Amino acid sequence: MPELTVLDDFNGDQEILDDNKILFNNILQKKHKDDRKKLNSVKEGIFERYELYLSQKNNLSAITPITDYTEYEGIMRNAYNNSLAFKEKRKQLFSKLPDGKKSTCPYCLVSESNTLDHYFPETYFTEFIVFIPNLIPCCYKCNKNKSTVIRKTIHFYFDAIPQEQYLLIDICFDDPYTPSIEISLKDNTPELIKNHYESLKLINRYKDRCSDELAVKSKSLLKSLKKEHYESAIDVLNDDVETLEEIYGQNYWKACLYKSIVNRQEEFKTFLNSL
């Protein structure tokens, strides 16, 4: 799960802050008179919260909910859904995702990234509803599972994500003719990452995906075995592991599964011969 670099185009936090102030003001100018007056009265306070967010980007747990802007939730949600200025920013946000990750949800690395998650939920943090650093492209399922969770998932712009492997996927052959898949996290996995997997139900989602992928790979490797190309197919699979890890990191579920097939290739061959 590598970090996303969509904010790297900016030259520091001040430029990010200025850009979001401009966005807010553009939204403000298009509001009807009464809503514009209401938002204008709290604008500076919201900007102070923007500054807090950026100043605490390496200590996000220090950001806690306040109730100062709760009554403006409807106005802010309307801006999120209907503002042309925000829609343009939303489009830019998706276009700036790194190559190889433009359509993949960073939270799960399974589904298509087709919505925006409010990292600090809009239910408790009205002031961040249209604040770009608080918006992370993700899939609908992760967005729904995360819902009102506060600081239990990885922030893919600001959190330092460990690059070592902590997702363990192993194909077990206790019964040589019926392999099973075991998925877990290493015991020393950081707490935030453990919470991330738990909050988004990733282990269960990976089990389903791995089961389907293993069935596909089994058929492919069986064909290679019958043509006496099994070792070459394993070499290709090993190359796939390296490529997938370069793009998605060492904890990409498919790379971990392929690695297990490579590591268990002799047991896997026995299984394939039984089919």
Protein backbone atom coordinates (compact mmCIF):
# COMPACT_ATOMS: atom_id res chain seq x y z
CA MET A 1 0.00 0.00 0.00
CA PRO A 2 2.20 2.85 -1.20
CA GLU A 3 1.45 6.49 -0.47
CA LEU A 4 -0.44 8.58 -3.02
CA THR A 5 1.42 11.60 -4.38
CA VAL A 6 -1.42 13.78 -5.64
CA LEU A 7 -0.33 16.70 -3.45
CA ASP A 8 3.29 16.63 -4.62
CA ASP A 9 2.57 19.18 -7.36
CA PHE A 10 2.24 21.83 -4.66
CA ASN A 11 5.27 23.64 -3.32
CA GLY A 12 4.65 23.07 0.37
CA ASP A 13 1.76 23.36 2.81
CA GLN A 14 1.24 27.10 2.27
CA GLU A 15 0.51 26.57 -1.41
CA ILE A 16 -1.90 23.74 -0.57
CA LEU A 17 -3.61 26.02 1.95
CA ASP A 18 -3.84 28.92 -0.51
CA ASP A 19 -5.25 26.67 -3.23
CA ASN A 20 -7.97 25.38 -0.90
CA LYS A 21 -8.83 28.88 0.24
CA ILE A 22 -9.31 29.85 -3.41
CA LEU A 23 -11.54 26.81 -3.93
CA PHE A 24 -13.64 27.70 -0.88
CA ASN A 25 -14.02 31.31 -2.05
CA ASN A 26 -15.02 30.17 -5.54
CA ILE A 27 -17.67 27.94 -4.01
CA LEU A 28 -18.77 30.77 -1.74
CA GLN A 29 -19.28 33.22 -4.61
CA LYS A 30 -21.72 30.88 -6.36
CA LYS A 31 -23.90 30.35 -3.30
CA HIS A 32 -27.29 32.00 -2.91
CA LYS A 33 -27.25 35.17 -0.84
CA ASP A 34 -28.34 33.65 2.49
CA ASP A 35 -25.98 30.65 2.27
CA ARG A 36 -23.15 32.88 1.10
CA LYS A 37 -23.67 35.13 4.13
CA LYS A 38 -23.68 32.16 6.50
CA LEU A 39 -20.52 30.61 5.08
CA ASN A 40 -18.75 33.94 4.91
CA SER A 41 -19.34 34.41 8.66
CA VAL A 42 -17.38 31.20 9.45
CA LYS A 43 -14.88 31.28 6.61
CA GLU A 44 -11.88 32.38 8.67
CA GLY A 45 -12.60 29.77 11.33
CA ILE A 46 -12.74 27.07 8.66
CA PHE A 47 -9.44 28.31 7.24
CA GLU A 48 -7.91 28.00 10.70
CA ARG A 49 -9.03 24.38 10.74
CA TYR A 50 -7.38 23.91 7.33
CA GLU A 51 -4.14 25.25 8.83
CA LEU A 52 -4.48 22.88 11.80
CA TYR A 53 -4.97 19.93 9.46
CA LEU A 54 -1.78 20.68 7.53
CA SER A 55 0.25 21.52 10.62
CA GLN A 56 -0.72 18.15 12.13
CA LYS A 57 -0.38 16.07 8.96
CA ASN A 58 2.27 13.93 10.67
CA ASN A 59 0.21 13.67 13.85
CA LEU A 60 -3.34 13.28 12.55
CA SER A 61 -4.62 11.84 15.83
CA ALA A 62 -4.31 15.36 17.25
CA ILE A 63 -7.20 16.51 15.05
CA THR A 64 -10.44 16.06 16.99
CA PRO A 65 -14.05 16.99 16.15
CA ILE A 66 -15.58 20.33 17.06
CA THR A 67 -19.22 21.37 16.79
CA ASP A 68 -18.69 24.94 15.55
CA TYR A 69 -19.73 24.16 11.97
CA THR A 70 -22.32 21.39 12.40
CA GLU A 71 -25.23 23.64 11.43
CA TYR A 72 -23.56 24.33 8.06
CA GLU A 73 -23.38 20.65 7.06
CA GLY A 74 -26.26 20.91 4.58
CA ILE A 75 -24.70 23.89 2.81
CA MET A 76 -21.30 22.22 2.64
CA ARG A 77 -22.73 18.92 1.38
CA ASN A 78 -24.57 20.83 -1.33
CA ALA A 79 -21.29 22.45 -2.36
CA TYR A 80 -19.63 19.02 -2.47
CA ASN A 81 -22.37 17.61 -4.69
CA ASN A 82 -23.17 20.56 -6.95
CA SER A 83 -20.37 23.13 -7.06
CA LEU A 84 -18.76 23.37 -10.51
CA ALA A 85 -15.54 24.63 -8.90
CA PHE A 86 -15.40 21.56 -6.67
CA LYS A 87 -16.28 19.19 -9.51
CA GLU A 88 -13.27 20.49 -11.43
CA LYS A 89 -11.01 19.90 -8.42
CA ARG A 90 -12.45 16.41 -8.03
CA LYS A 91 -11.62 15.65 -11.65
CA GLN A 92 -8.06 16.92 -11.17
CA LEU A 93 -7.66 14.81 -8.04
CA PHE A 94 -8.39 11.58 -9.91
CA SER A 95 -6.22 12.60 -12.87
CA LYS A 96 -3.21 13.17 -10.59
CA LEU A 97 -3.20 9.63 -9.20
CA PRO A 98 0.06 7.83 -10.03
CA ASP A 99 0.25 5.68 -13.15
CA GLY A 100 -0.75 2.12 -12.39
CA LYS A 101 -3.03 3.27 -9.55
CA LYS A 102 -5.49 5.57 -11.33
CA SER A 103 -8.31 3.03 -11.18
CA THR A 104 -7.36 1.01 -8.09
CA CYS A 105 -8.64 1.80 -4.60
CA PRO A 106 -5.64 2.50 -2.32
CA TYR A 107 -7.51 1.28 0.74
CA CYS A 108 -8.04 -2.29 -0.47
CA LEU A 109 -6.11 -2.66 -3.76
CA VAL A 110 -9.05 -4.74 -4.97
CA SER A 111 -11.83 -2.60 -6.43
CA GLU A 112 -12.05 0.38 -8.73
CA SER A 113 -11.47 3.80 -7.24
CA ASN A 114 -14.74 5.52 -8.16
CA THR A 115 -15.66 7.76 -5.23
CA LEU A 116 -14.04 10.04 -2.65
CA ASP A 117 -13.61 9.18 1.00
CA HIS A 118 -13.73 11.97 3.57
CA TYR A 119 -10.82 10.77 5.69
CA PHE A 120 -12.16 12.73 8.65
CA PRO A 121 -15.89 11.95 8.21
CA GLU A 122 -18.15 14.82 7.17
CA THR A 123 -20.60 13.82 9.91
CA TYR A 124 -18.11 15.04 12.54
CA PHE A 125 -15.88 17.34 10.48
CA THR A 126 -18.18 19.56 8.42
CA GLU A 127 -15.37 22.05 7.84
CA PHE A 128 -13.35 19.51 5.81
CA ILE A 129 -16.10 18.47 3.37
CA VAL A 130 -14.48 20.25 0.40
CA PHE A 131 -10.90 20.31 1.74
CA ILE A 132 -8.82 18.43 -0.83
CA PRO A 133 -6.21 16.94 1.59
CA ASN A 134 -9.14 15.27 3.39
CA LEU A 135 -10.45 13.60 0.23
CA ILE A 136 -8.98 10.28 -0.88
CA PRO A 137 -10.10 8.45 -4.05
CA CYS A 138 -11.35 4.98 -3.13
CA CYS A 139 -13.95 2.34 -3.97
CA TYR A 140 -17.56 2.43 -2.83
CA LYS A 141 -17.17 -0.66 -0.59
CA CYS A 142 -14.23 0.80 1.37
CA ASN A 143 -16.01 4.13 1.67
CA LYS A 144 -19.06 2.37 3.09
CA ASN A 145 -17.07 0.14 5.46
CA LYS A 146 -15.04 3.09 6.72
CA SER A 147 -18.13 5.28 7.13
CA THR A 148 -17.75 7.25 10.39
CA VAL A 149 -14.47 5.63 11.49
CA ILE A 150 -12.01 8.23 12.81
CA ARG A 151 -8.27 7.61 12.59
CA LYS A 152 -8.55 3.84 12.15
CA THR A 153 -7.36 3.72 8.54
CA ILE A 154 -4.27 4.83 6.65
CA HIS A 155 -4.17 8.39 5.31
CA PHE A 156 -2.61 7.84 1.90
CA TYR A 157 -1.30 11.39 1.50
CA PHE A 158 0.36 11.89 4.87
CA ASP A 159 0.94 8.66 6.79
CA ALA A 160 4.38 7.06 6.58
CA ILE A 161 3.49 3.55 5.43
CA PRO A 162 6.00 0.79 6.31
CA GLN A 163 7.41 -0.74 3.14
CA GLU A 164 8.25 -4.15 4.57
CA GLN A 165 5.85 -7.04 4.04
CA TYR A 166 3.27 -7.49 6.79
CA LEU A 167 0.50 -9.23 4.81
CA LEU A 168 1.01 -13.01 4.88
CA ILE A 169 -0.79 -15.24 2.37
CA ASP A 170 0.07 -18.92 2.36
CA ILE A 171 -1.27 -21.86 0.38
CA CYS A 172 -1.36 -24.83 2.74
CA PHE A 173 -1.32 -28.49 1.68
CA ASP A 174 -2.30 -30.31 4.86
CA ASP A 175 -4.38 -32.32 2.44
CA PRO A 176 -2.18 -32.54 -0.68
CA TYR A 177 -5.24 -32.72 -2.92
CA THR A 178 -7.19 -29.83 -1.38
CA PRO A 179 -5.09 -26.70 -0.84
CA SER A 180 -6.37 -24.03 1.53
CA ILE A 181 -5.50 -20.35 1.79
CA GLU A 182 -4.44 -18.77 5.07
CA ILE A 183 -4.23 -14.98 5.37
CA SER A 184 -2.94 -13.02 8.35
CA LEU A 185 -0.84 -10.04 9.41
CA LYS A 186 2.56 -10.33 11.03
CA ASP A 187 2.52 -10.02 14.81
CA ASN A 188 4.64 -6.86 14.71
CA THR A 189 2.36 -5.07 12.23
CA PRO A 190 1.83 -1.41 13.32
CA GLU A 191 -1.46 -0.78 15.11
CA LEU A 192 -2.78 1.65 12.50
CA ILE A 193 -2.33 -0.95 9.75
CA LYS A 194 -4.03 -3.63 11.86
CA ASN A 195 -6.95 -1.25 12.42
CA HIS A 196 -7.02 -0.46 8.70
CA TYR A 197 -7.43 -4.13 7.78
CA GLU A 198 -10.02 -4.70 10.49
CA SER A 199 -12.10 -1.60 9.73
CA LEU A 200 -12.28 -2.39 6.01
CA LYS A 201 -12.71 -6.17 6.46
CA LEU A 202 -9.78 -6.75 4.13
CA ILE A 203 -8.80 -10.26 5.24
CA ASN A 204 -12.23 -11.62 4.29
CA ARG A 205 -12.22 -9.73 1.01
CA TYR A 206 -8.76 -11.07 0.17
CA LYS A 207 -9.84 -14.64 0.94
CA ASP A 208 -12.55 -14.43 -1.71
CA ARG A 209 -10.23 -12.82 -4.24
CA CYS A 210 -7.40 -15.26 -3.58
CA SER A 211 -9.72 -18.24 -3.92
CA ASP A 212 -10.85 -17.03 -7.36
CA GLU A 213 -7.32 -16.15 -8.45
CA LEU A 214 -5.93 -19.48 -7.27
CA ALA A 215 -8.53 -21.32 -9.35
CA VAL A 216 -7.49 -19.35 -12.46
CA LYS A 217 -3.75 -19.87 -11.84
CA SER A 218 -4.26 -23.56 -11.17
CA LYS A 219 -5.80 -24.05 -14.61
CA SER A 220 -3.01 -22.05 -16.25
CA LEU A 221 -0.23 -23.92 -14.44
CA LEU A 222 -1.88 -27.27 -15.15
CA LYS A 223 -1.70 -26.53 -18.88
CA SER A 224 1.98 -25.60 -18.47
CA LEU A 225 2.63 -28.80 -16.54
CA LYS A 226 1.05 -30.96 -19.24
CA LYS A 227 3.21 -29.23 -21.85
CA GLU A 228 6.28 -29.70 -19.61
CA HIS A 229 6.67 -25.93 -19.25
CA TYR A 230 5.92 -25.81 -15.51
CA GLU A 231 9.29 -24.39 -14.41
CA SER A 232 9.10 -21.67 -17.06
CA ALA A 233 5.59 -20.78 -15.91
CA ILE A 234 6.83 -20.50 -12.31
CA ASP A 235 9.63 -18.18 -13.51
CA VAL A 236 7.04 -15.98 -15.22
CA LEU A 237 4.96 -15.95 -12.05
CA ASN A 238 8.02 -14.88 -10.05
CA ASP A 239 8.60 -12.04 -12.52
CA ASP A 240 4.95 -11.04 -12.05
CA VAL A 241 5.55 -10.83 -8.28
CA GLU A 242 8.41 -8.37 -8.80
CA THR A 243 6.39 -6.23 -11.21
CA LEU A 244 3.31 -6.12 -8.98
CA GLU A 245 5.42 -5.23 -5.93
CA GLU A 246 7.06 -2.37 -7.86
CA ILE A 247 3.66 -0.90 -8.66
CA TYR A 248 1.54 -1.74 -5.62
CA GLY A 249 4.06 -2.60 -2.89
CA GLN A 250 4.96 -5.79 -1.03
CA ASN A 251 1.54 -6.06 0.59
CA TYR A 252 -0.47 -6.29 -2.60
CA TRP A 253 -2.71 -9.34 -2.11
CA LYS A 254 -2.12 -10.78 -5.59
CA ALA A 255 1.68 -10.47 -5.29
CA CYS A 256 1.56 -12.22 -1.90
CA LEU A 257 -0.55 -15.03 -3.35
CA TYR A 258 1.76 -15.51 -6.34
CA LYS A 259 4.75 -15.53 -4.01
CA SER A 260 3.17 -18.36 -2.05
CA ILE A 261 2.63 -20.36 -5.24
CA VAL A 262 6.32 -19.89 -6.13
CA ASN A 263 7.44 -20.87 -2.63
CA ARG A 264 5.17 -23.94 -2.65
CA GLN A 265 5.81 -24.89 -6.27
CA GLU A 266 6.71 -28.55 -5.58
CA GLU A 267 3.65 -29.10 -3.38
CA PHE A 268 1.62 -27.26 -5.98
CA LYS A 269 2.92 -29.59 -8.69
CA THR A 270 1.76 -32.61 -6.66
CA PHE A 271 -1.64 -31.02 -6.34
CA LEU A 272 -1.84 -30.28 -10.08
CA ASN A 273 -0.88 -33.86 -10.94
CA SER A 274 -3.88 -35.02 -8.95
CA LEU A 275 -6.35 -33.02 -11.04
